[in-house]
Amino acid sequence: MIKAFVDVGIKENKAKETARNPALGNRLFSIIKMVDSDNKGYKFKPQQGMLLHTLASHKFNDDQLKLVLKYVTSGEIASGTQIKAASEYFCSNIQSSVDIPLFERACGIGVVYDDADVERAVLEAILKIKFKSGDPQVNRGLIIGHLKIYLGYVYKIYKWVDSSQLHRLIDKHLDKIVSFTEEPVKADEHVIFADWKSVLESIDPLRVYSQGEAAKFHAPGKNYMSPGYVVTEHTERLMAEHLAKYGNVVRLYFLQGKNPFST
């Protein structure tokens, strides 16, 4: 049994694991024998072994199984997603006769999408990624990594899109994006100062600080409004007096819960 599994392309570890499950192992073995009897001398492709394994884990009657196997051996069903779709079709359509065109559409058999339609979806997915021209952190690998997140958007619209078609269209635009993001950044024109002393004297450190690091924190005198500070009815008045005295600057540093303006 294990040899039969390996011969159709299933890895040995997976074959042994399957053989330890009598129900799954016996069903897979019977499916392999069914293919051999209907297609004398058929040579399985490496990926088809796992397709048969997936097929064995779904519930199909003999007639349904033969139909699905016909499409597997012809290469028209080539993914586990298609086998799952076939199973869902039979669960939803319990009549004895099979509507072949409907079945094929449900399983993505013969479904072809125009390049223009898929390309439009690819571009929409690309637009969801924000790139900045000249960003040294942006490269081809990073773009592909981000794009994979949005490929679900394309697959949602075009469920049965061929992966080779999709990647060809992605590559078509990827080169444009990379060339855009990797273009050299033009250096800003720098003003050369002859007198640095006058420049430094013109800088107000307090103003620079208040617009830089300090801007991330509370406005002067608003620390007491943070959760956890002890305040009284005098806090706001005392803080206002302090700010007026020291030019809108708090000169004290106090730990949370020990507010001197609460007395």
Foldseek 3Di string as FASTA:
>chain_A
DLVLLVQQQDDSVVSVVQVVVPQLNVLLVVLSVVCCVVPPPQHHDNQLSVVSSLLSVADDPPVLSVVVVVCSSVVQQRDSQLSVLLSVVCVVPVDPDDPVVVNCVSSVGPDEDDLVVLLVQLVVLLVVDDADAQDPVDALVVSVVSSVVSVVSSCVVVVNYDPVSNVVSNVVCSVVVRCRRNPHDDDDDDDDDPDVVVVVVPDDVVVVCCPPPVVVDDQQLCVCVDPQAAADPQLVVVSVVQCVVVVSHDPDDDDRHDDPSRD
